[in-house]
Protein backbone atom coordinates (compact mmCIF):
# COMPACT_ATOMS: atom_id res chain seq x y z
CA MET A 1 87.10 133.52 117.52
CA ALA A 2 86.41 129.80 117.92
CA GLU A 3 88.69 127.22 119.44
CA PRO A 4 90.30 124.97 116.66
CA ASP A 5 88.97 121.37 116.57
CA ALA A 6 91.62 119.49 118.13
CA THR A 7 90.86 116.23 116.14
CA LYS A 8 91.50 118.16 112.67
CA ARG A 9 95.33 117.94 111.48
CA THR A 10 97.89 119.88 109.41
CA VAL A 11 99.28 117.03 107.41
CA VAL A 12 102.39 117.91 105.15
CA PHE A 13 103.38 115.18 102.51
CA PHE A 14 106.52 114.76 101.06
CA HIS A 15 107.00 113.13 97.90
CA PRO A 16 109.80 113.12 95.31
CA ASP A 17 108.38 113.57 91.93
CA LEU A 18 104.45 113.76 91.78
CA GLY A 19 103.89 112.34 88.34
CA ILE A 20 101.38 109.77 87.09
CA GLY A 21 102.18 106.14 88.43
CA GLY A 22 101.14 103.72 91.38
CA ALA A 23 102.99 105.53 94.17
CA GLU A 24 101.55 108.77 93.06
CA ARG A 25 97.93 107.60 92.94
CA LEU A 26 98.45 106.43 96.30
CA VAL A 27 99.78 109.89 97.58
CA VAL A 28 96.82 111.77 95.73
CA ASP A 29 94.32 109.34 97.04
CA ALA A 30 95.59 109.53 100.66
CA ALA A 31 95.93 113.37 100.57
CA VAL A 32 92.47 113.94 98.85
CA GLY A 33 90.89 111.47 101.59
CA LEU A 34 92.27 113.23 104.45
CA GLN A 35 91.34 116.61 103.17
CA GLU A 36 87.46 115.10 102.64
CA ARG A 37 87.86 114.26 106.21
CA GLY A 38 88.35 117.98 107.20
CA HIS A 39 91.94 117.93 107.71
CA LYS A 40 94.30 120.63 106.19
CA VAL A 41 96.84 118.86 103.66
CA VAL A 42 99.85 120.25 101.90
CA ILE A 43 102.18 118.25 99.38
CA PHE A 44 105.93 119.22 99.05
CA THR A 45 107.57 118.00 95.91
CA SER A 46 110.75 118.57 93.81
CA HIS A 47 108.78 118.19 90.50
CA CYS A 48 105.26 118.33 89.54
CA ASP A 49 104.82 118.78 85.60
CA PRO A 50 101.10 119.95 85.06
CA ASN A 51 100.92 118.31 81.80
CA HIS A 52 102.14 114.85 83.44
CA CYS A 53 100.28 114.59 86.83
CA PHE A 54 96.86 113.51 88.29
CA GLU A 55 93.98 116.12 88.11
CA GLU A 56 93.79 116.76 91.60
CA ALA A 57 97.32 118.02 91.60
CA ARG A 58 96.72 120.75 89.30
CA ASP A 59 93.09 121.79 89.38
CA GLY A 60 93.46 123.03 92.69
CA THR A 61 92.01 120.48 94.70
CA LEU A 62 95.21 119.72 96.70
CA ASP A 63 97.67 122.47 97.86
CA VAL A 64 100.71 121.06 95.96
CA ARG A 65 104.13 123.03 96.18
CA VAL A 66 107.27 122.35 94.33
CA ARG A 67 110.23 123.27 96.17
CA GLY A 68 114.08 122.43 95.93
CA ASN A 69 113.94 121.99 91.97
CA TYR A 70 116.97 124.00 91.04
CA LEU A 71 120.31 122.79 92.54
CA PHE A 72 120.30 119.37 91.78
CA PRO A 73 119.08 117.24 88.64
CA ALA A 74 116.90 114.34 88.47
CA SER A 75 120.01 112.38 87.25
CA ILE A 76 123.21 112.85 85.61
CA PHE A 77 123.50 111.32 82.24
CA SER A 78 120.49 109.30 83.11
CA ARG A 79 122.57 107.68 85.81
CA LEU A 80 123.12 108.33 89.67
CA THR A 81 119.32 108.72 90.10
CA ILE A 82 119.48 107.64 93.72
CA LEU A 83 122.22 110.18 94.53
CA CYS A 84 120.36 112.64 92.76
CA ALA A 85 116.76 111.92 94.65
CA ILE A 86 118.60 111.96 98.20
CA ALA A 87 120.43 115.55 97.10
CA ARG A 88 116.95 117.01 95.89
CA GLN A 89 115.07 115.79 99.01
CA LEU A 90 117.71 117.32 101.47
CA HIS A 91 117.44 120.56 99.33
CA LEU A 92 113.90 120.65 99.46
CA LEU A 93 113.96 120.30 103.42
CA LEU A 94 116.10 123.00 103.83
CA HIS A 95 114.62 125.26 101.43
CA ILE A 96 111.33 125.14 103.23
CA HIS A 97 113.07 125.32 106.71
CA LEU A 98 115.18 128.23 105.94
CA THR A 99 112.30 130.28 104.18
CA SER A 100 110.37 129.46 107.24
CA GLU A 101 107.67 127.87 105.11
CA LEU A 102 107.27 124.78 106.83
CA SER A 103 106.89 126.14 110.31
CA SER A 104 104.31 128.41 109.18
CA LEU A 105 102.10 125.51 108.41
CA ALA A 106 102.34 124.31 112.08
CA PRO A 107 102.14 120.95 110.81
CA THR A 108 100.95 118.23 113.15
CA SER A 109 101.92 115.08 111.15
CA PHE A 110 104.42 114.43 108.29
CA VAL A 111 103.47 111.63 105.72
CA VAL A 112 106.87 110.83 103.63
CA ASP A 113 107.08 108.09 100.52
CA GLN A 114 109.44 106.27 98.63
CA LEU A 115 112.75 107.82 99.86
CA SER A 116 113.53 107.84 103.50
CA ALA A 117 116.84 109.31 103.43
CA GLY A 118 115.79 112.85 104.74
CA LEU A 119 113.87 111.37 107.73
CA PRO A 120 116.78 112.34 110.06
CA LEU A 121 116.94 115.87 109.02
CA LEU A 122 113.30 116.32 109.13
CA GLN A 123 113.18 115.11 112.40
CA HIS A 124 115.81 117.36 113.58
CA LEU A 125 114.10 120.11 111.83
CA ALA A 126 110.91 119.55 113.35
CA PRO A 127 111.38 117.29 116.38
CA GLY A 128 107.74 117.28 117.78
CA VAL A 129 106.15 116.53 114.58
CA PRO A 130 105.47 112.60 114.24
CA ILE A 131 106.49 111.07 110.86
CA LEU A 132 104.71 108.45 108.75
CA PHE A 133 106.84 106.78 106.25
CA TYR A 134 104.84 104.80 103.48
CA CYS A 135 107.34 102.04 102.10
CA HIS A 136 105.84 100.77 98.67
CA TYR A 137 108.69 97.91 98.42
CA PRO A 138 112.38 97.76 99.69
CA ASP A 139 114.40 100.13 97.50
CA LEU A 140 117.41 97.71 97.98
CA LEU A 141 115.50 94.90 96.67
CA LEU A 142 114.44 96.42 93.58
CA ALA A 143 118.07 97.50 92.82
CA ARG A 144 119.80 93.97 94.03
CA GLY A 145 121.46 91.76 91.54
CA ARG A 146 121.96 94.66 88.81
CA GLY A 147 125.24 95.38 87.28
CA SER A 148 128.90 94.52 88.30
CA TRP A 149 130.08 93.97 91.82
CA LEU A 150 131.46 97.67 91.55
CA LYS A 151 127.73 98.82 90.98
CA ARG A 152 126.66 97.00 93.91
CA ALA A 153 129.22 98.50 95.98
CA TYR A 154 128.26 101.96 95.06
CA ARG A 155 124.71 100.87 96.09
CA ALA A 156 125.68 99.43 99.36
CA PRO A 157 125.88 102.91 101.33
CA PHE A 158 122.31 103.84 100.05
CA ASP A 159 121.00 100.37 100.94
CA ALA A 160 122.24 101.05 104.82
CA LEU A 161 120.92 104.42 104.48
CA GLU A 162 117.56 103.33 103.77
CA GLU A 163 117.38 101.10 106.80
CA TRP A 164 118.85 103.50 108.99
CA SER A 165 116.99 106.47 108.27
CA MET A 166 113.73 104.28 108.17
CA GLY A 167 114.16 104.20 112.11
CA PHE A 168 113.54 107.99 112.45
CA ALA A 169 109.77 107.61 111.52
CA GLN A 170 107.20 106.83 114.21
CA ALA A 171 105.17 104.32 112.20
CA VAL A 172 105.93 102.64 108.84
CA ALA A 173 103.11 101.54 106.49
CA VAL A 174 103.29 99.08 103.53
CA ASN A 175 100.84 98.50 100.84
CA SER A 176 99.81 94.80 101.72
CA GLU A 177 100.58 92.26 104.27
CA PHE A 178 103.08 90.50 101.68
CA THR A 179 105.09 93.53 101.64
CA LYS A 180 105.07 93.81 105.42
CA GLY A 181 106.54 90.16 105.50
CA VAL A 182 109.24 91.35 103.07
CA VAL A 183 110.02 94.32 104.89
CA ARG A 184 110.33 92.32 108.01
CA ARG A 185 112.69 89.96 106.50
CA THR A 186 114.61 92.44 104.86
CA TRP A 187 115.19 94.65 108.01
CA PRO A 188 114.51 92.40 111.13
CA SER A 189 115.40 94.84 113.66
CA LEU A 190 113.20 97.58 112.21
CA GLU A 191 110.05 97.03 114.39
CA ARG A 192 112.00 97.51 117.38
CA HIS A 193 111.90 101.45 116.29
CA VAL A 194 109.00 101.85 114.49
CA GLU A 195 105.25 100.68 114.19
CA LEU A 196 104.80 98.63 111.03
CA ARG A 197 101.49 98.81 109.55
CA VAL A 198 99.23 98.10 106.57
CA VAL A 199 97.44 100.66 104.37
CA HIS A 200 96.24 98.95 101.22
CA PRO A 201 95.88 101.41 98.14
CA CYS A 202 92.52 102.19 96.72
CA VAL A 203 90.46 102.36 93.48
CA ALA A 204 88.11 104.99 92.61
CA VAL A 205 84.50 103.60 93.27
CA ASP A 206 82.25 106.47 91.61
CA ASP A 207 82.49 109.16 89.01
CA GLU A 208 83.32 111.73 91.73
CA ASP A 209 86.38 109.65 92.81
CA LYS A 210 87.60 108.60 89.21
CA PRO A 211 91.37 109.75 88.33
CA ALA A 212 91.80 112.02 85.58
CA GLN A 213 93.30 109.55 83.16
CA GLU A 214 90.09 107.85 83.32
CA VAL A 215 88.20 110.50 81.58
CA GLY A 216 87.47 110.48 78.02
CA GLU A 217 85.09 109.61 75.06
CA ILE A 218 83.35 106.50 75.74
CA VAL A 219 84.71 103.49 73.78
CA GLU A 220 82.47 100.18 73.06
CA TRP A 221 84.44 96.96 72.64
CA ARG A 222 82.60 94.29 70.23
CA ASP A 223 83.98 90.87 71.16
CA GLU A 224 81.60 88.81 73.37
CA LYS A 225 84.24 86.70 74.99
CA VAL A 226 87.34 88.28 75.97
CA VAL A 227 90.21 87.06 78.43
CA LEU A 228 91.85 90.11 79.44
CA SER A 229 95.41 90.84 80.74
CA ILE A 230 96.55 94.30 81.89
CA ASN A 231 100.04 94.84 82.97
CA ARG A 232 103.20 96.62 81.89
CA PHE A 233 105.40 94.58 79.08
CA GLU A 234 108.17 93.46 81.33
CA ARG A 235 109.44 90.07 81.82
CA LYS A 236 108.59 90.00 85.55
CA LYS A 237 104.86 90.32 85.02
CA ASP A 238 104.99 86.52 83.35
CA VAL A 239 102.49 87.86 80.56
CA ALA A 240 103.78 84.82 78.92
CA LEU A 241 101.76 82.69 81.22
CA ALA A 242 98.41 83.85 79.94
CA ILE A 243 99.46 82.96 76.37
CA ARG A 244 100.43 79.45 77.11
CA ALA A 245 97.52 78.83 79.32
CA PHE A 246 95.25 80.25 76.52
CA ALA A 247 96.91 78.07 73.69
CA ALA A 248 96.25 75.14 75.83
CA ILE A 249 92.62 75.20 75.60
CA PRO A 250 91.14 72.89 73.18
CA GLU A 251 90.62 74.88 69.89
CA GLU A 252 87.23 73.91 69.33
CA ARG A 253 86.45 75.41 72.88
CA ARG A 254 88.12 78.77 72.22
CA GLN A 255 86.23 79.35 69.23
CA GLY A 256 85.02 83.05 69.09
CA VAL A 257 87.45 83.86 72.20
CA ARG A 258 90.01 86.54 72.04
CA LEU A 259 92.92 87.08 74.27
CA VAL A 260 93.74 90.76 74.84
CA ILE A 261 97.22 91.54 76.10
CA ALA A 262 97.00 95.23 77.17
CA GLY A 263 99.49 97.56 79.23
CA GLY A 264 102.18 99.93 79.20
CA TYR A 265 104.59 100.15 76.62
CA ASP A 266 107.47 102.66 76.07
CA PRO A 267 109.38 102.65 73.05
CA ARG A 268 112.46 104.07 74.52
CA ILE A 269 112.48 101.05 77.04
CA THR A 270 114.32 98.53 75.77
CA GLU A 271 112.94 96.05 77.97
CA ASN A 272 109.14 96.87 76.76
CA VAL A 273 110.40 96.56 72.83
CA GLU A 274 112.17 93.05 73.65
CA TYR A 275 109.61 91.76 75.62
CA HIS A 276 106.66 92.46 73.11
CA ALA A 277 108.54 90.84 70.40
CA GLU A 278 109.11 87.73 72.66
CA LEU A 279 105.47 87.47 73.34
CA VAL A 280 104.44 87.67 69.51
CA SER A 281 107.16 85.01 68.86
CA LEU A 282 105.68 82.69 71.57
CA ALA A 283 102.18 83.36 70.25
CA ALA A 284 103.31 82.29 66.67
CA SER A 285 105.05 79.06 68.25
CA LEU A 286 101.91 77.95 69.59
CA ASN A 287 100.11 78.43 66.45
CA LEU A 288 98.08 81.55 67.53
CA GLU A 289 97.70 84.20 65.01
CA SER A 290 98.27 87.86 66.73
CA ARG A 291 97.99 91.55 65.85
CA THR A 292 99.41 94.58 67.51
CA ALA A 293 97.51 97.65 67.82
CA LYS A 294 98.96 101.14 68.92
CA THR A 295 95.79 103.28 68.68
CA VAL A 296 92.13 103.03 69.71
CA ILE A 297 91.26 103.05 66.14
CA SER A 298 93.64 100.24 65.02
CA ALA A 299 92.62 98.20 67.90
CA LEU A 300 88.75 98.48 67.33
CA ALA A 301 89.37 97.56 63.39
CA SER A 302 91.45 94.53 64.41
CA PRO A 303 89.77 91.36 62.45
CA PRO A 304 87.43 89.35 65.18
CA GLU A 305 89.24 86.10 64.04
CA ILE A 306 92.47 87.36 65.33
CA PRO A 307 92.98 85.05 68.58
CA VAL A 308 95.59 87.35 70.27
CA LEU A 309 95.55 90.83 70.40
CA PHE A 310 98.35 93.04 71.84
CA LEU A 311 97.55 96.58 72.75
CA LEU A 312 100.26 99.04 73.55
CA SER A 313 99.96 101.90 75.99
CA VAL A 314 95.94 101.62 76.45
CA PRO A 315 94.26 104.76 76.94
CA SER A 316 91.65 105.04 79.84
CA ASN A 317 88.41 104.86 77.75
CA LEU A 318 89.98 101.70 75.95
CA LYS A 319 90.79 99.92 79.12
CA ALA A 320 87.66 100.89 80.64
CA ALA A 321 85.77 99.53 77.52
CA LEU A 322 87.71 96.17 77.81
CA LEU A 323 86.97 95.78 81.44
CA ARG A 324 83.31 96.18 80.74
CA SER A 325 83.84 93.33 77.77
CA ALA A 326 85.67 90.99 79.61
CA THR A 327 84.56 87.48 80.53
CA LEU A 328 87.85 86.89 82.79
CA LEU A 329 90.88 88.78 83.86
CA VAL A 330 94.09 87.16 84.23
CA TYR A 331 96.81 88.73 86.34
CA THR A 332 99.83 86.67 85.99
CA PRO A 333 102.70 88.39 88.21
CA SER A 334 104.15 86.23 91.14
CA ASP A 335 104.99 87.92 94.29
CA GLU A 336 103.33 91.36 92.94
CA HIS A 337 103.46 93.67 96.15
CA PHE A 338 100.22 94.53 95.69
CA GLY A 339 98.41 94.85 92.42
CA ILE A 340 95.81 97.29 91.49
CA VAL A 341 94.55 95.58 88.40
CA PRO A 342 92.48 92.98 90.16
CA LEU A 343 90.47 95.63 91.87
CA GLU A 344 89.89 97.43 88.98
CA ALA A 345 88.69 94.39 87.14
CA MET A 346 86.40 93.41 90.36
CA LEU A 347 85.00 96.76 90.53
CA ALA A 348 83.66 96.54 86.80
CA GLY A 349 82.32 93.25 87.93
CA VAL A 350 84.81 90.80 86.15
CA PRO A 351 86.22 87.70 87.90
CA VAL A 352 89.71 87.57 88.25
CA LEU A 353 92.25 84.49 87.89
CA ALA A 354 95.50 85.73 89.73
CA SER A 355 98.70 84.44 90.97
CA ASN A 356 98.30 82.83 94.42
CA SER A 357 101.07 84.79 95.89
CA GLY A 358 101.91 88.48 96.73
CA GLY A 359 99.08 91.03 96.93
CA PRO A 360 96.31 89.26 95.08
CA ARG A 361 95.89 87.04 97.75
CA GLU A 362 94.84 89.96 99.82
CA THR A 363 92.31 91.21 97.31
CA VAL A 364 91.15 88.07 95.42
CA LEU A 365 88.79 85.82 97.11
CA ASP A 366 89.25 82.52 95.78
CA GLY A 367 85.91 80.96 94.35
CA ALA A 368 84.06 84.00 95.36
CA THR A 369 85.49 87.05 93.09
CA GLY A 370 87.46 84.78 91.23
CA TRP A 371 90.36 82.21 91.45
CA LEU A 372 93.79 82.06 92.87
CA ARG A 373 96.26 79.26 91.06
CA ASP A 374 99.96 78.70 91.12
CA ALA A 375 101.48 80.50 88.58
CA GLY A 376 104.00 77.69 87.80
CA ASP A 377 101.25 75.30 86.97
CA VAL A 378 99.99 76.14 83.62
CA PRO A 379 97.45 73.48 83.52
CA GLN A 380 95.50 75.14 86.32
CA TRP A 381 95.14 78.35 84.56
CA THR A 382 94.17 76.49 81.44
CA ALA A 383 91.42 74.75 83.32
CA VAL A 384 90.16 78.04 84.94
CA MET A 385 90.09 79.88 81.60
CA ASP A 386 88.30 76.95 79.86
CA ARG A 387 85.52 77.06 82.99
CA ALA A 388 85.28 80.75 83.02
CA LEU A 389 84.49 80.78 79.22
CA ASN A 390 82.51 77.58 78.64
CA GLU A 391 81.28 75.99 81.95
CA THR A 392 80.28 79.31 84.19
CA SER A 393 76.67 80.33 83.83
CA LYS A 394 75.53 83.91 83.36
CA GLY A 395 74.14 83.82 86.90
CA MET A 396 77.30 82.61 88.37
CA ARG A 397 79.40 85.23 86.37
CA GLU A 398 77.01 87.65 87.67
CA ARG A 399 77.00 86.45 91.35
CA MET A 400 80.94 86.78 91.32
CA GLY A 401 80.75 90.13 89.80
CA ARG A 402 78.72 91.60 92.58
CA ALA A 403 80.76 89.92 95.35
CA GLY A 404 83.87 91.74 93.57
CA VAL A 405 82.27 94.93 93.56
CA GLU A 406 80.98 94.58 97.12
CA ARG A 407 84.66 93.49 97.82
CA VAL A 408 86.27 96.53 96.44
CA LYS A 409 83.49 99.05 97.76
CA GLY A 410 83.68 97.53 101.41
CA GLY A 411 87.51 97.56 101.88
CA PHE A 412 89.36 99.37 98.99
CA ASP A 413 87.51 102.65 98.51
CA ARG A 414 89.27 106.11 99.04
CA GLY A 415 87.27 106.55 102.44
CA THR A 416 88.49 103.43 103.96
CA MET A 417 92.41 104.15 103.08
CA ALA A 418 91.98 107.46 104.44
CA ARG A 419 90.47 106.47 107.67
CA ARG A 420 93.41 103.99 107.94
CA VAL A 421 95.90 106.56 107.64
CA GLU A 422 94.07 108.78 109.94
CA ALA A 423 93.96 106.26 112.62
CA ILE A 424 97.88 105.79 112.43
CA LEU A 425 98.47 109.35 112.47
CA GLY A 426 96.30 109.42 115.70
CA ASP A 427 98.18 106.33 117.30
CA MET A 428 101.63 108.05 116.51
CA ASP A 429 100.84 111.01 118.72
CA CYS A 430 101.07 108.58 121.73
CA LEU A 431 104.27 107.06 120.44
CA GLY A 432 106.74 109.82 120.97
CA VAL A 433 110.13 109.73 119.60
CA ARG A 434 111.70 106.58 118.97
CA ARG A 435 115.09 107.53 118.57
CA PRO A 436 117.15 110.39 119.96
CA VAL A 437 117.17 113.54 117.64
CA LEU A 438 120.78 113.60 116.28
CA SER A 439 122.49 117.09 116.34
CA ALA A 440 122.77 118.69 112.71
CA VAL A 441 126.39 118.17 112.62
CA LEU A 442 125.82 114.26 112.93
CA ASN A 443 123.25 114.48 110.48
CA PHE A 444 125.47 116.40 107.91
CA LEU A 445 128.35 113.94 108.50
CA VAL A 446 126.68 110.98 107.93
CA ILE A 447 124.79 111.90 104.67
CA GLY A 448 127.69 113.62 103.46
CA ALA A 449 129.82 110.42 103.81
CA VAL A 450 127.28 108.76 101.81
CA PHE A 451 127.28 111.42 99.09
CA TRP A 452 131.33 111.49 99.01
CA PHE A 453 131.28 108.12 98.49
CA GLY A 454 128.96 108.13 95.89
CA ILE A 455 130.84 110.79 94.10
CA LEU A 456 134.06 108.93 94.46
CA VAL A 457 132.32 105.74 92.84
CA ALA A 458 130.53 107.51 90.05
CA ARG A 459 134.02 108.78 88.83
CA VAL A 460 135.08 105.16 88.65
CA LEU A 461 131.90 103.65 87.14
CA PHE A 462 130.84 106.77 84.74
CA PRO A 463 134.17 108.49 83.71
CA ARG A 464 133.89 111.21 81.45
CA SER A 465 134.57 110.13 77.76
């Protein structure tokens, strides 16, 4: 029998819910990338709906195993999601340990993302296997400032658990230098225990890498000049900036130009409904007529003289058509953790105007693949829109488009991301365990205390009616 290749690993991923989203896309791309490089990859998750997941998670490309999905719900009356998520993660770990499924895989590396609470237990169950934790963004910052003081008190032990448990990883990866800085400021002592590395998300650079949601009937968009915004209908995305900047272009210089605002929209989410209504009202207050389309057919039938078009929950084929037709993509969020849309636009050869903060500073090259401007300075955004529409030659747009494609293919493709993850896994072999492995008793005492606290507060916050 041939000796196994020592450079090939068995990498086990843990993800809470393998649905469709940015975090899930990153996990799938990293797993497929490592697999393409010859490593064995297994993904454990508490939930994966075959009707709501990426193609690679359901067509056999990846070995996805759903475990620990029967004792604890995902939420209790649509609340207590963090408490339930931790319970489900611990249940999953104990299940695959007690059934010997984990040990039978003989894993050489663990990759865990989103939820760090189970890392102490995972280190105890497999003390010789290094752990890479991928921190998309500190959860405590995402939850901070919401609700009453009692709800903040309820969150306090989970925030402490997040920092403490991350120390049991040998390395922590983040999605951008911006997020790395946020993590350092949030947990100044973290780097005394773990390596902090940047692994940028990637985009599909050819048809073979194209995600499942980008497969569909080809659609052609007829407008010749499109200023495109793609973002969820959430206030933090500041889509209003695009409308204000567009409205400030002299009317005679935006003749035949349409601002298309496309993005994720769920009528069950109050903020989506409210913010869409606010944006429609804003456009009207600026003397911009608008139209809202909810289907591809209604979008294509929209009269071309309507200057602002809202597209709700854009399907992938329409999104691709818009990117092919766009003259400029405007990406309005400030301090975005990373931002995948600018990369998608650059890959399509579309120059990008983005906020000069957060992740776009690492993806958009000012003056080469687009422009970076202060989100608080509307006249700057207006000036760039006007220049891109009326003063930039076809040759210049083509040069910027080629530069954008080269930028994405040279540093943000799946192969590049897989090599970065692979390098970190290799480096972790030399790091050893940064903290002493706690006994099982101490693990359960600490985590159990958090659970009891959460349950007590939950009884106060959400009493039965």
